[in-house]
Amino acid sequence: SGTKEEGEMVAHIWNLIEPHMTENGKKE
């Protein structure tokens, strides 16, 4: 799956949250 790289778990979790971010959230 290519998920053994460091930071992949972090990236997957942020991908789940990103669609719900406000403009302020996206900037932050």
mmCIF file of all heavy atoms, coordinates in Angstrom:
data_MODEL
# 
_entry.id   MODEL 
# 
loop_
_atom_site.group_PDB 
_atom_site.id 
_atom_site.type_symbol 
_atom_site.label_atom_id 
_atom_site.label_alt_id 
_atom_site.label_comp_id 
_atom_site.label_asym_id 
_atom_site.label_entity_id 
_atom_site.label_seq_id 
_atom_site.pdbx_PDB_ins_code 
_atom_site.Cartn_x 
_atom_site.Cartn_y 
_atom_site.Cartn_z 
_atom_site.occupancy 
_atom_site.B_iso_or_equiv 
_atom_site.pdbx_formal_charge 
_atom_site.auth_seq_id 
_atom_site.auth_comp_id 
_atom_site.auth_asym_id 
_atom_site.auth_atom_id 
_atom_site.pdbx_PDB_model_num 
ATOM 1   N N   . SER A 1 1  ? 0.799   -1.229 0.000  1.00 0.00 ? 1  SER A N   1 
ATOM 2   C CA  . SER A 1 1  ? 0.000   0.000  0.000  1.00 0.00 ? 1  SER A CA  1 
ATOM 3   C C   . SER A 1 1  ? 0.830   1.277  0.000  1.00 0.00 ? 1  SER A C   1 
ATOM 4   O O   . SER A 1 1  ? 0.308   2.361  -0.240 1.00 0.00 ? 1  SER A O   1 
ATOM 5   C CB  . SER A 1 1  ? -0.933  0.014  1.214  1.00 0.00 ? 1  SER A CB  1 
ATOM 6   O OG  . SER A 1 1  ? -0.173  0.045  2.417  1.00 0.00 ? 1  SER A OG  1 
ATOM 7   N N   . GLY A 1 2  ? 2.121   1.161  0.302  1.00 0.00 ? 2  GLY A N   1 
ATOM 8   C CA  . GLY A 1 2  ? 2.978   2.344  0.331  1.00 0.00 ? 2  GLY A CA  1 
ATOM 9   C C   . GLY A 1 2  ? 2.774   3.210  1.554  1.00 0.00 ? 2  GLY A C   1 
ATOM 10  O O   . GLY A 1 2  ? 3.070   4.406  1.535  1.00 0.00 ? 2  GLY A O   1 
ATOM 11  N N   . THR A 1 3  ? 2.241   2.604  2.641  1.00 0.00 ? 3  THR A N   1 
ATOM 12  C CA  . THR A 1 3  ? 1.949   3.390  3.849  1.00 0.00 ? 3  THR A CA  1 
ATOM 13  C C   . THR A 1 3  ? 3.015   3.223  4.931  1.00 0.00 ? 3  THR A C   1 
ATOM 14  O O   . THR A 1 3  ? 2.800   3.597  6.075  1.00 0.00 ? 3  THR A O   1 
ATOM 15  C CB  . THR A 1 3  ? 0.580   2.988  4.427  1.00 0.00 ? 3  THR A CB  1 
ATOM 16  O OG1 . THR A 1 3  ? 0.577   1.577  4.707  1.00 0.00 ? 3  THR A OG1 1 
ATOM 17  C CG2 . THR A 1 3  ? -0.540  3.316  3.468  1.00 0.00 ? 3  THR A CG2 1 
ATOM 18  N N   . LYS A 1 4  ? 4.159   2.646  4.583  1.00 0.00 ? 4  LYS A N   1 
ATOM 19  C CA  . LYS A 1 4  ? 5.200   2.434  5.589  1.00 0.00 ? 4  LYS A CA  1 
ATOM 20  C C   . LYS A 1 4  ? 6.110   3.637  5.761  1.00 0.00 ? 4  LYS A C   1 
ATOM 21  O O   . LYS A 1 4  ? 6.940   3.669  6.668  1.00 0.00 ? 4  LYS A O   1 
ATOM 22  C CB  . LYS A 1 4  ? 6.029   1.196  5.228  1.00 0.00 ? 4  LYS A CB  1 
ATOM 23  C CG  . LYS A 1 4  ? 5.248   -0.106 5.366  1.00 0.00 ? 4  LYS A CG  1 
ATOM 24  C CD  . LYS A 1 4  ? 6.153   -1.321 5.233  1.00 0.00 ? 4  LYS A CD  1 
ATOM 25  C CE  . LYS A 1 4  ? 5.368   -2.599 5.484  1.00 0.00 ? 4  LYS A CE  1 
ATOM 26  N NZ  . LYS A 1 4  ? 6.217   -3.807 5.445  1.00 0.00 ? 4  LYS A NZ  1 
ATOM 27  N N   . GLU A 1 5  ? 5.957   4.626  4.883  1.00 0.00 ? 5  GLU A N   1 
ATOM 28  C CA  . GLU A 1 5  ? 6.787   5.826  4.991  1.00 0.00 ? 5  GLU A CA  1 
ATOM 29  C C   . GLU A 1 5  ? 6.421   6.605  6.253  1.00 0.00 ? 5  GLU A C   1 
ATOM 30  O O   . GLU A 1 5  ? 5.248   6.672  6.637  1.00 0.00 ? 5  GLU A O   1 
ATOM 31  C CB  . GLU A 1 5  ? 6.598   6.716  3.765  1.00 0.00 ? 5  GLU A CB  1 
ATOM 32  C CG  . GLU A 1 5  ? 7.101   6.119  2.463  1.00 0.00 ? 5  GLU A CG  1 
ATOM 33  C CD  . GLU A 1 5  ? 8.611   5.981  2.432  1.00 0.00 ? 5  GLU A CD  1 
ATOM 34  O OE1 . GLU A 1 5  ? 9.288   6.865  3.007  1.00 0.00 ? 5  GLU A OE1 1 
ATOM 35  O OE2 . GLU A 1 5  ? 9.104   4.996  1.865  1.00 0.00 ? 5  GLU A OE2 1 
ATOM 36  N N   . GLU A 1 6  ? 7.426   7.195  6.881  1.00 0.00 ? 6  GLU A N   1 
ATOM 37  C CA  . GLU A 1 6  ? 7.170   8.018  8.061  1.00 0.00 ? 6  GLU A CA  1 
ATOM 38  C C   . GLU A 1 6  ? 6.270   9.188  7.697  1.00 0.00 ? 6  GLU A C   1 
ATOM 39  O O   . GLU A 1 6  ? 6.461   9.846  6.679  1.00 0.00 ? 6  GLU A O   1 
ATOM 40  C CB  . GLU A 1 6  ? 8.498   8.534  8.624  1.00 0.00 ? 6  GLU A CB  1 
ATOM 41  C CG  . GLU A 1 6  ? 8.351   9.312  9.918  1.00 0.00 ? 6  GLU A CG  1 
ATOM 42  C CD  . GLU A 1 6  ? 9.688   9.731  10.498 1.00 0.00 ? 6  GLU A CD  1 
ATOM 43  O OE1 . GLU A 1 6  ? 10.730  9.319  9.958  1.00 0.00 ? 6  GLU A OE1 1 
ATOM 44  O OE2 . GLU A 1 6  ? 9.682   10.473 11.493 1.00 0.00 ? 6  GLU A OE2 1 
ATOM 45  N N   . GLY A 1 7  ? 5.270   9.429  8.513  1.00 0.00 ? 7  GLY A N   1 
ATOM 46  C CA  . GLY A 1 7  ? 4.344   10.537 8.280  1.00 0.00 ? 7  GLY A CA  1 
ATOM 47  C C   . GLY A 1 7  ? 3.083   10.142 7.554  1.00 0.00 ? 7  GLY A C   1 
ATOM 48  O O   . GLY A 1 7  ? 2.158   10.958 7.423  1.00 0.00 ? 7  GLY A O   1 
ATOM 49  N N   . GLU A 1 8  ? 3.002   8.888  7.082  1.00 0.00 ? 8  GLU A N   1 
ATOM 50  C CA  . GLU A 1 8  ? 1.824   8.464  6.321  1.00 0.00 ? 8  GLU A CA  1 
ATOM 51  C C   . GLU A 1 8  ? 0.572   8.419  7.182  1.00 0.00 ? 8  GLU A C   1 
ATOM 52  O O   . GLU A 1 8  ? -0.515  8.801  6.727  1.00 0.00 ? 8  GLU A O   1 
ATOM 53  C CB  . GLU A 1 8  ? 2.068   7.092  5.680  1.00 0.00 ? 8  GLU A CB  1 
ATOM 54  C CG  . GLU A 1 8  ? 2.791   7.152  4.357  1.00 0.00 ? 8  GLU A CG  1 
ATOM 55  C CD  . GLU A 1 8  ? 1.990   7.902  3.299  1.00 0.00 ? 8  GLU A CD  1 
ATOM 56  O OE1 . GLU A 1 8  ? 0.802   7.582  3.098  1.00 0.00 ? 8  GLU A OE1 1 
ATOM 57  O OE2 . GLU A 1 8  ? 2.552   8.816  2.686  1.00 0.00 ? 8  GLU A OE2 1 
ATOM 58  N N   . MET A 1 9  ? 0.675   7.928  8.414  1.00 0.00 ? 9  MET A N   1 
ATOM 59  C CA  . MET A 1 9  ? -0.507  7.898  9.281  1.00 0.00 ? 9  MET A CA  1 
ATOM 60  C C   . MET A 1 9  ? -0.996  9.321  9.541  1.00 0.00 ? 9  MET A C   1 
ATOM 61  O O   . MET A 1 9  ? -2.212  9.590  9.489  1.00 0.00 ? 9  MET A O   1 
ATOM 62  C CB  . MET A 1 9  ? -0.186  7.209  10.607 1.00 0.00 ? 9  MET A CB  1 
ATOM 63  C CG  . MET A 1 9  ? -1.416  7.019  11.498 1.00 0.00 ? 9  MET A CG  1 
ATOM 64  S SD  . MET A 1 9  ? -1.041  6.454  13.182 1.00 0.00 ? 9  MET A SD  1 
ATOM 65  C CE  . MET A 1 9  ? -0.558  8.014  13.951 1.00 0.00 ? 9  MET A CE  1 
ATOM 66  N N   . VAL A 1 10 ? -0.070  10.218 9.803  1.00 0.00 ? 10 VAL A N   1 
ATOM 67  C CA  . VAL A 1 10 ? -0.413  11.615 10.048 1.00 0.00 ? 10 VAL A CA  1 
ATOM 68  C C   . VAL A 1 10 ? -1.122  12.210 8.832  1.00 0.00 ? 10 VAL A C   1 
ATOM 69  O O   . VAL A 1 10 ? -2.161  12.876 8.962  1.00 0.00 ? 10 VAL A O   1 
ATOM 70  C CB  . VAL A 1 10 ? 0.849   12.437 10.377 1.00 0.00 ? 10 VAL A CB  1 
ATOM 71  C CG1 . VAL A 1 10 ? 0.503   13.908 10.585 1.00 0.00 ? 10 VAL A CG1 1 
ATOM 72  C CG2 . VAL A 1 10 ? 1.533   11.873 11.625 1.00 0.00 ? 10 VAL A CG2 1 
ATOM 73  N N   . ALA A 1 11 ? -0.594  11.937 7.654  1.00 0.00 ? 11 ALA A N   1 
ATOM 74  C CA  . ALA A 1 11 ? -1.180  12.470 6.421  1.00 0.00 ? 11 ALA A CA  1 
ATOM 75  C C   . ALA A 1 11 ? -2.588  11.921 6.182  1.00 0.00 ? 11 ALA A C   1 
ATOM 76  O O   . ALA A 1 11 ? -3.496  12.658 5.774  1.00 0.00 ? 11 ALA A O   1 
ATOM 77  C CB  . ALA A 1 11 ? -0.286  12.128 5.236  1.00 0.00 ? 11 ALA A CB  1 
ATOM 78  N N   . HIS A 1 12 ? -2.779  10.634 6.450  1.00 0.00 ? 12 HIS A N   1 
ATOM 79  C CA  . HIS A 1 12 ? -4.102  10.024 6.260  1.00 0.00 ? 12 HIS A CA  1 
ATOM 80  C C   . HIS A 1 12 ? -5.143  10.672 7.182  1.00 0.00 ? 12 HIS A C   1 
ATOM 81  O O   . HIS A 1 12 ? -6.291  10.905 6.765  1.00 0.00 ? 12 HIS A O   1 
ATOM 82  C CB  . HIS A 1 12 ? -4.036  8.517  6.524  1.00 0.00 ? 12 HIS A CB  1 
ATOM 83  C CG  . HIS A 1 12 ? -3.637  7.708  5.335  1.00 0.00 ? 12 HIS A CG  1 
ATOM 84  N ND1 . HIS A 1 12 ? -2.365  7.742  4.805  1.00 0.00 ? 12 HIS A ND1 1 
ATOM 85  C CD2 . HIS A 1 12 ? -4.342  6.838  4.567  1.00 0.00 ? 12 HIS A CD2 1 
ATOM 86  C CE1 . HIS A 1 12 ? -2.303  6.928  3.763  1.00 0.00 ? 12 HIS A CE1 1 
ATOM 87  N NE2 . HIS A 1 12 ? -3.483  6.372  3.600  1.00 0.00 ? 12 HIS A NE2 1 
ATOM 88  N N   . ILE A 1 13 ? -4.754  10.948 8.402  1.00 0.00 ? 13 ILE A N   1 
ATOM 89  C CA  . ILE A 1 13 ? -5.697  11.548 9.355  1.00 0.00 ? 13 ILE A CA  1 
ATOM 90  C C   . ILE A 1 13 ? -6.039  12.976 8.956  1.00 0.00 ? 13 ILE A C   1 
ATOM 91  O O   . ILE A 1 13 ? -7.217  13.378 8.983  1.00 0.00 ? 13 ILE A O   1 
ATOM 92  C CB  . ILE A 1 13 ? -5.121  11.489 10.788 1.00 0.00 ? 13 ILE A CB  1 
ATOM 93  C CG1 . ILE A 1 13 ? -5.077  10.030 11.255 1.00 0.00 ? 13 ILE A CG1 1 
ATOM 94  C CG2 . ILE A 1 13 ? -5.970  12.332 11.742 1.00 0.00 ? 13 ILE A CG2 1 
ATOM 95  C CD1 . ILE A 1 13 ? -4.366  9.808  12.577 1.00 0.00 ? 13 ILE A CD1 1 
ATOM 96  N N   . TRP A 1 14 ? -5.036  13.741 8.539  1.00 0.00 ? 14 TRP A N   1 
ATOM 97  C CA  . TRP A 1 14 ? -5.320  15.105 8.089  1.00 0.00 ? 14 TRP A CA  1 
ATOM 98  C C   . TRP A 1 14 ? -6.202  15.101 6.841  1.00 0.00 ? 14 TRP A C   1 
ATOM 99  O O   . TRP A 1 14 ? -7.036  15.994 6.661  1.00 0.00 ? 14 TRP A O   1 
ATOM 100 C CB  . TRP A 1 14 ? -4.028  15.870 7.833  1.00 0.00 ? 14 TRP A CB  1 
ATOM 101 C CG  . TRP A 1 14 ? -3.406  16.459 9.061  1.00 0.00 ? 14 TRP A CG  1 
ATOM 102 C CD1 . TRP A 1 14 ? -2.174  16.180 9.580  1.00 0.00 ? 14 TRP A CD1 1 
ATOM 103 C CD2 . TRP A 1 14 ? -3.976  17.440 9.928  1.00 0.00 ? 14 TRP A CD2 1 
ATOM 104 N NE1 . TRP A 1 14 ? -1.944  16.916 10.715 1.00 0.00 ? 14 TRP A NE1 1 
ATOM 105 C CE2 . TRP A 1 14 ? -3.040  17.703 10.955 1.00 0.00 ? 14 TRP A CE2 1 
ATOM 106 C CE3 . TRP A 1 14 ? -5.201  18.121 9.946  1.00 0.00 ? 14 TRP A CE3 1 
ATOM 107 C CZ2 . TRP A 1 14 ? -3.279  18.627 11.978 1.00 0.00 ? 14 TRP A CZ2 1 
ATOM 108 C CZ3 . TRP A 1 14 ? -5.444  19.036 10.980 1.00 0.00 ? 14 TRP A CZ3 1 
ATOM 109 C CH2 . TRP A 1 14 ? -4.498  19.277 11.966 1.00 0.00 ? 14 TRP A CH2 1 
ATOM 110 N N   . ASN A 1 15 ? -6.031  14.093 5.988  1.00 0.00 ? 15 ASN A N   1 
ATOM 111 C CA  . ASN A 1 15 ? -6.881  13.995 4.791  1.00 0.00 ? 15 ASN A CA  1 
ATOM 112 C C   . ASN A 1 15 ? -8.351  13.819 5.159  1.00 0.00 ? 15 ASN A C   1 
ATOM 113 O O   . ASN A 1 15 ? -9.249  14.264 4.436  1.00 0.00 ? 15 ASN A O   1 
ATOM 114 C CB  . ASN A 1 15 ? -6.439  12.817 3.917  1.00 0.00 ? 15 ASN A CB  1 
ATOM 115 C CG  . ASN A 1 15 ? -5.203  13.133 3.102  1.00 0.00 ? 15 ASN A CG  1 
ATOM 116 O OD1 . ASN A 1 15 ? -4.799  14.287 2.987  1.00 0.00 ? 15 ASN A OD1 1 
ATOM 117 N ND2 . ASN A 1 15 ? -4.572  12.112 2.540  1.00 0.00 ? 15 ASN A ND2 1 
ATOM 118 N N   . LEU A 1 16 ? -8.601  13.148 6.276  1.00 0.00 ? 16 LEU A N   1 
ATOM 119 C CA  . LEU A 1 16 ? -9.977  12.967 6.739  1.00 0.00 ? 16 LEU A CA  1 
ATOM 120 C C   . LEU A 1 16 ? -10.572 14.275 7.249  1.00 0.00 ? 16 LEU A C   1 
ATOM 121 O O   . LEU A 1 16 ? -11.776 14.530 7.096  1.00 0.00 ? 16 LEU A O   1 
ATOM 122 C CB  . LEU A 1 16 ? -10.024 11.916 7.860  1.00 0.00 ? 16 LEU A CB  1 
ATOM 123 C CG  . LEU A 1 16 ? -9.703  10.468 7.490  1.00 0.00 ? 16 LEU A CG  1 
ATOM 124 C CD1 . LEU A 1 16 ? -9.641  9.607  8.751  1.00 0.00 ? 16 LEU A CD1 1 
ATOM 125 C CD2 . LEU A 1 16 ? -10.757 9.907  6.536  1.00 0.00 ? 16 LEU A CD2 1 
ATOM 126 N N   . ILE A 1 17 ? -9.731  15.107 7.847  1.00 0.00 ? 17 ILE A N   1 
ATOM 127 C CA  . ILE A 1 17 ? -10.203 16.356 8.445  1.00 0.00 ? 17 ILE A CA  1 
ATOM 128 C C   . ILE A 1 17 ? -10.293 17.484 7.421  1.00 0.00 ? 17 ILE A C   1 
ATOM 129 O O   . ILE A 1 17 ? -11.157 18.372 7.516  1.00 0.00 ? 17 ILE A O   1 
ATOM 130 C CB  . ILE A 1 17 ? -9.275  16.767 9.612  1.00 0.00 ? 17 ILE A CB  1 
ATOM 131 C CG1 . ILE A 1 17 ? -9.314  15.701 10.719 1.00 0.00 ? 17 ILE A CG1 1 
ATOM 132 C CG2 . ILE A 1 17 ? -9.660  18.134 10.178 1.00 0.00 ? 17 ILE A CG2 1 
ATOM 133 C CD1 . ILE A 1 17 ? -8.308  15.933 11.832 1.00 0.00 ? 17 ILE A CD1 1 
ATOM 134 N N   . GLU A 1 18 ? -9.429  17.457 6.439  1.00 0.00 ? 18 GLU A N   1 
ATOM 135 C CA  . GLU A 1 18 ? -9.292  18.576 5.489  1.00 0.00 ? 18 GLU A CA  1 
ATOM 136 C C   . GLU A 1 18 ? -10.606 19.022 4.840  1.00 0.00 ? 18 GLU A C   1 
ATOM 137 O O   . GLU A 1 18 ? -10.849 20.236 4.725  1.00 0.00 ? 18 GLU A O   1 
ATOM 138 C CB  . GLU A 1 18 ? -8.265  18.221 4.408  1.00 0.00 ? 18 GLU A CB  1 
ATOM 139 C CG  . GLU A 1 18 ? -7.810  19.413 3.599  1.00 0.00 ? 18 GLU A CG  1 
ATOM 140 C CD  . GLU A 1 18 ? -6.576  19.103 2.778  1.00 0.00 ? 18 GLU A CD  1 
ATOM 141 O OE1 . GLU A 1 18 ? -6.162  17.920 2.733  1.00 0.00 ? 18 GLU A OE1 1 
ATOM 142 O OE2 . GLU A 1 18 ? -6.038  20.044 2.177  1.00 0.00 ? 18 GLU A OE2 1 
ATOM 143 N N   . PRO A 1 19 ? -11.484 18.115 4.406  1.00 0.00 ? 19 PRO A N   1 
ATOM 144 C CA  . PRO A 1 19 ? -12.741 18.575 3.786  1.00 0.00 ? 19 PRO A CA  1 
ATOM 145 C C   . PRO A 1 19 ? -13.636 19.398 4.720  1.00 0.00 ? 19 PRO A C   1 
ATOM 146 O O   . PRO A 1 19 ? -14.530 20.104 4.248  1.00 0.00 ? 19 PRO A O   1 
ATOM 147 C CB  . PRO A 1 19 ? -13.443 17.265 3.396  1.00 0.00 ? 19 PRO A CB  1 
ATOM 148 C CG  . PRO A 1 19 ? -12.363 16.258 3.296  1.00 0.00 ? 19 PRO A CG  1 
ATOM 149 C CD  . PRO A 1 19 ? -11.375 16.649 4.359  1.00 0.00 ? 19 PRO A CD  1 
ATOM 150 N N   . HIS A 1 20 ? -13.391 19.319 6.005  1.00 0.00 ? 20 HIS A N   1 
ATOM 151 C CA  . HIS A 1 20 ? -14.222 20.017 6.992  1.00 0.00 ? 20 HIS A CA  1 
ATOM 152 C C   . HIS A 1 20 ? -13.590 21.322 7.460  1.00 0.00 ? 20 HIS A C   1 
ATOM 153 O O   . HIS A 1 20 ? -14.189 22.034 8.265  1.00 0.00 ? 20 HIS A O   1 
ATOM 154 C CB  . HIS A 1 20 ? -14.471 19.113 8.202  1.00 0.00 ? 20 HIS A CB  1 
ATOM 155 C CG  . HIS A 1 20 ? -15.056 17.788 7.854  1.00 0.00 ? 20 HIS A CG  1 
ATOM 156 N ND1 . HIS A 1 20 ? -16.405 17.612 7.589  1.00 0.00 ? 20 HIS A ND1 1 
ATOM 157 C CD2 . HIS A 1 20 ? -14.483 16.567 7.700  1.00 0.00 ? 20 HIS A CD2 1 
ATOM 158 C CE1 . HIS A 1 20 ? -16.635 16.335 7.309  1.00 0.00 ? 20 HIS A CE1 1 
ATOM 159 N NE2 . HIS A 1 20 ? -15.484 15.687 7.360  1.00 0.00 ? 20 HIS A NE2 1 
ATOM 160 N N   . MET A 1 21 ? -12.426 21.666 6.922  1.00 0.00 ? 21 MET A N   1 
ATOM 161 C CA  . MET A 1 21 ? -11.727 22.863 7.385  1.00 0.00 ? 21 MET A CA  1 
ATOM 162 C C   . MET A 1 21 ? -12.386 24.131 6.848  1.00 0.00 ? 21 MET A C   1 
ATOM 163 O O   . MET A 1 21 ? -12.827 24.188 5.692  1.00 0.00 ? 21 MET A O   1 
ATOM 164 C CB  . MET A 1 21 ? -10.265 22.836 6.915  1.00 0.00 ? 21 MET A CB  1 
ATOM 165 C CG  . MET A 1 21 ? -9.415  21.781 7.575  1.00 0.00 ? 21 MET A CG  1 
ATOM 166 S SD  . MET A 1 21 ? -7.705  21.858 6.939  1.00 0.00 ? 21 MET A SD  1 
ATOM 167 C CE  . MET A 1 21 ? -6.997  20.390 7.694  1.00 0.00 ? 21 MET A CE  1 
ATOM 168 N N   . THR A 1 22 ? -12.413 25.141 7.694  1.00 0.00 ? 22 THR A N   1 
ATOM 169 C CA  . THR A 1 22 ? -12.818 26.476 7.256  1.00 0.00 ? 22 THR A CA  1 
ATOM 170 C C   . THR A 1 22 ? -11.641 27.107 6.500  1.00 0.00 ? 22 THR A C   1 
ATOM 171 O O   . THR A 1 22 ? -10.538 26.540 6.455  1.00 0.00 ? 22 THR A O   1 
ATOM 172 C CB  . THR A 1 22 ? -13.152 27.355 8.476  1.00 0.00 ? 22 THR A CB  1 
ATOM 173 O OG1 . THR A 1 22 ? -11.968 27.462 9.305  1.00 0.00 ? 22 THR A OG1 1 
ATOM 174 C CG2 . THR A 1 22 ? -14.281 26.739 9.298  1.00 0.00 ? 22 THR A CG2 1 
ATOM 175 N N   . GLU A 1 23 ? -11.859 28.281 5.947  1.00 0.00 ? 23 GLU A N   1 
ATOM 176 C CA  . GLU A 1 23 ? -10.751 28.983 5.295  1.00 0.00 ? 23 GLU A CA  1 
ATOM 177 C C   . GLU A 1 23 ? -9.642  29.263 6.302  1.00 0.00 ? 23 GLU A C   1 
ATOM 178 O O   . GLU A 1 23 ? -8.451  29.143 5.991  1.00 0.00 ? 23 GLU A O   1 
ATOM 179 C CB  . GLU A 1 23 ? -11.244 30.294 4.669  1.00 0.00 ? 23 GLU A CB  1 
ATOM 180 C CG  . GLU A 1 23 ? -12.085 30.101 3.417  1.00 0.00 ? 23 GLU A CG  1 
ATOM 181 C CD  . GLU A 1 23 ? -11.347 29.302 2.350  1.00 0.00 ? 23 GLU A CD  1 
ATOM 182 O OE1 . GLU A 1 23 ? -10.159 29.621 2.091  1.00 0.00 ? 23 GLU A OE1 1 
ATOM 183 O OE2 . GLU A 1 23 ? -11.940 28.372 1.780  1.00 0.00 ? 23 GLU A OE2 1 
ATOM 184 N N   . ASN A 1 24 ? -10.042 29.630 7.502  1.00 0.00 ? 24 ASN A N   1 
ATOM 185 C CA  . ASN A 1 24 ? -9.071  29.865 8.579  1.00 0.00 ? 24 ASN A CA  1 
ATOM 186 C C   . ASN A 1 24 ? -8.325  28.569 8.902  1.00 0.00 ? 24 ASN A C   1 
ATOM 187 O O   . ASN A 1 24 ? -7.111  28.576 9.127  1.00 0.00 ? 24 ASN A O   1 
ATOM 188 C CB  . ASN A 1 24 ? -9.804  30.389 9.814  1.00 0.00 ? 24 ASN A CB  1 
ATOM 189 C CG  . ASN A 1 24 ? -8.842  30.785 10.926 1.00 0.00 ? 24 ASN A CG  1 
ATOM 190 O OD1 . ASN A 1 24 ? -7.849  31.459 10.684 1.00 0.00 ? 24 ASN A OD1 1 
ATOM 191 N ND2 . ASN A 1 24 ? -9.141  30.357 12.151 1.00 0.00 ? 24 ASN A ND2 1 
ATOM 192 N N   . GLY A 1 25 ? -9.067  27.464 8.911  1.00 0.00 ? 25 GLY A N   1 
ATOM 193 C CA  . GLY A 1 25 ? -8.466  26.163 9.196  1.00 0.00 ? 25 GLY A CA  1 
ATOM 194 C C   . GLY A 1 25 ? -7.463  25.756 8.132  1.00 0.00 ? 25 GLY A C   1 
ATOM 195 O O   . GLY A 1 25 ? -6.394  25.212 8.449  1.00 0.00 ? 25 GLY A O   1 
ATOM 196 N N   . LYS A 1 26 ? -7.792  26.030 6.863  1.00 0.00 ? 26 LYS A N   1 
ATOM 197 C CA  . LYS A 1 26 ? -6.888  25.676 5.771  1.00 0.00 ? 26 LYS A CA  1 
ATOM 198 C C   . LYS A 1 26 ? -5.583  26.469 5.867  1.00 0.00 ? 26 LYS A C   1 
ATOM 199 O O   . LYS A 1 26 ? -4.496  25.924 5.643  1.00 0.00 ? 26 LYS A O   1 
ATOM 200 C CB  . LYS A 1 26 ? -7.558  25.945 4.425  1.00 0.00 ? 26 LYS A CB  1 
ATOM 201 C CG  . LYS A 1 26 ? -8.713  25.003 4.119  1.00 0.00 ? 26 LYS A CG  1 
ATOM 202 C CD  . LYS A 1 26 ? -9.437  25.393 2.838  1.00 0.00 ? 26 LYS A CD  1 
ATOM 203 C CE  . LYS A 1 26 ? -10.631 24.481 2.582  1.00 0.00 ? 26 LYS A CE  1 
ATOM 204 N NZ  . LYS A 1 26 ? -11.409 24.910 1.384  1.00 0.00 ? 26 LYS A NZ  1 
ATOM 205 N N   . LYS A 1 27 ? -5.709  27.751 6.212  1.00 0.00 ? 27 LYS A N   1 
ATOM 206 C CA  . LYS A 1 27 ? -4.510  28.582 6.363  1.00 0.00 ? 27 LYS A CA  1 
ATOM 207 C C   . LYS A 1 27 ? -3.648  28.079 7.527  1.00 0.00 ? 27 LYS A C   1 
ATOM 208 O O   . LYS A 1 27 ? -2.428  28.011 7.423  1.00 0.00 ? 27 LYS A O   1 
ATOM 209 C CB  . LYS A 1 27 ? -4.908  30.033 6.606  1.00 0.00 ? 27 LYS A CB  1 
ATOM 210 C CG  . LYS A 1 27 ? -5.537  30.720 5.395  1.00 0.00 ? 27 LYS A CG  1 
ATOM 211 C CD  . LYS A 1 27 ? -5.966  32.132 5.744  1.00 0.00 ? 27 LYS A CD  1 
ATOM 212 C CE  . LYS A 1 27 ? -6.668  32.798 4.553  1.00 0.00 ? 27 LYS A CE  1 
ATOM 213 N NZ  . LYS A 1 27 ? -7.155  34.163 4.897  1.00 0.00 ? 27 LYS A NZ  1 
ATOM 214 N N   . GLU A 1 28 ? -4.316  27.717 8.637  1.00 0.00 ? 28 GLU A N   1 
ATOM 215 C CA  . GLU A 1 28 ? -3.573  27.247 9.804  1.00 0.00 ? 28 GLU A CA  1 
ATOM 216 C C   . GLU A 1 28 ? -2.933  25.883 9.532  1.00 0.00 ? 28 GLU A C   1 
ATOM 217 O O   . GLU A 1 28 ? -1.808  25.628 9.951  1.00 0.00 ? 28 GLU A O   1 
ATOM 218 C CB  . GLU A 1 28 ? -4.504  27.160 11.022 1.00 0.00 ? 28 GLU A CB  1 
ATOM 219 C CG  . GLU A 1 28 ? -3.858  26.599 12.278 1.00 0.00 ? 28 GLU A CG  1 
ATOM 220 C CD  . GLU A 1 28 ? -2.613  27.354 12.721 1.00 0.00 ? 28 GLU A CD  1 
ATOM 221 O OE1 . GLU A 1 28 ? -2.379  28.489 12.268 1.00 0.00 ? 28 GLU A OE1 1 
ATOM 222 O OE2 . GLU A 1 28 ? -1.843  26.784 13.529 1.00 0.00 ? 28 GLU A OE2 1 
# 
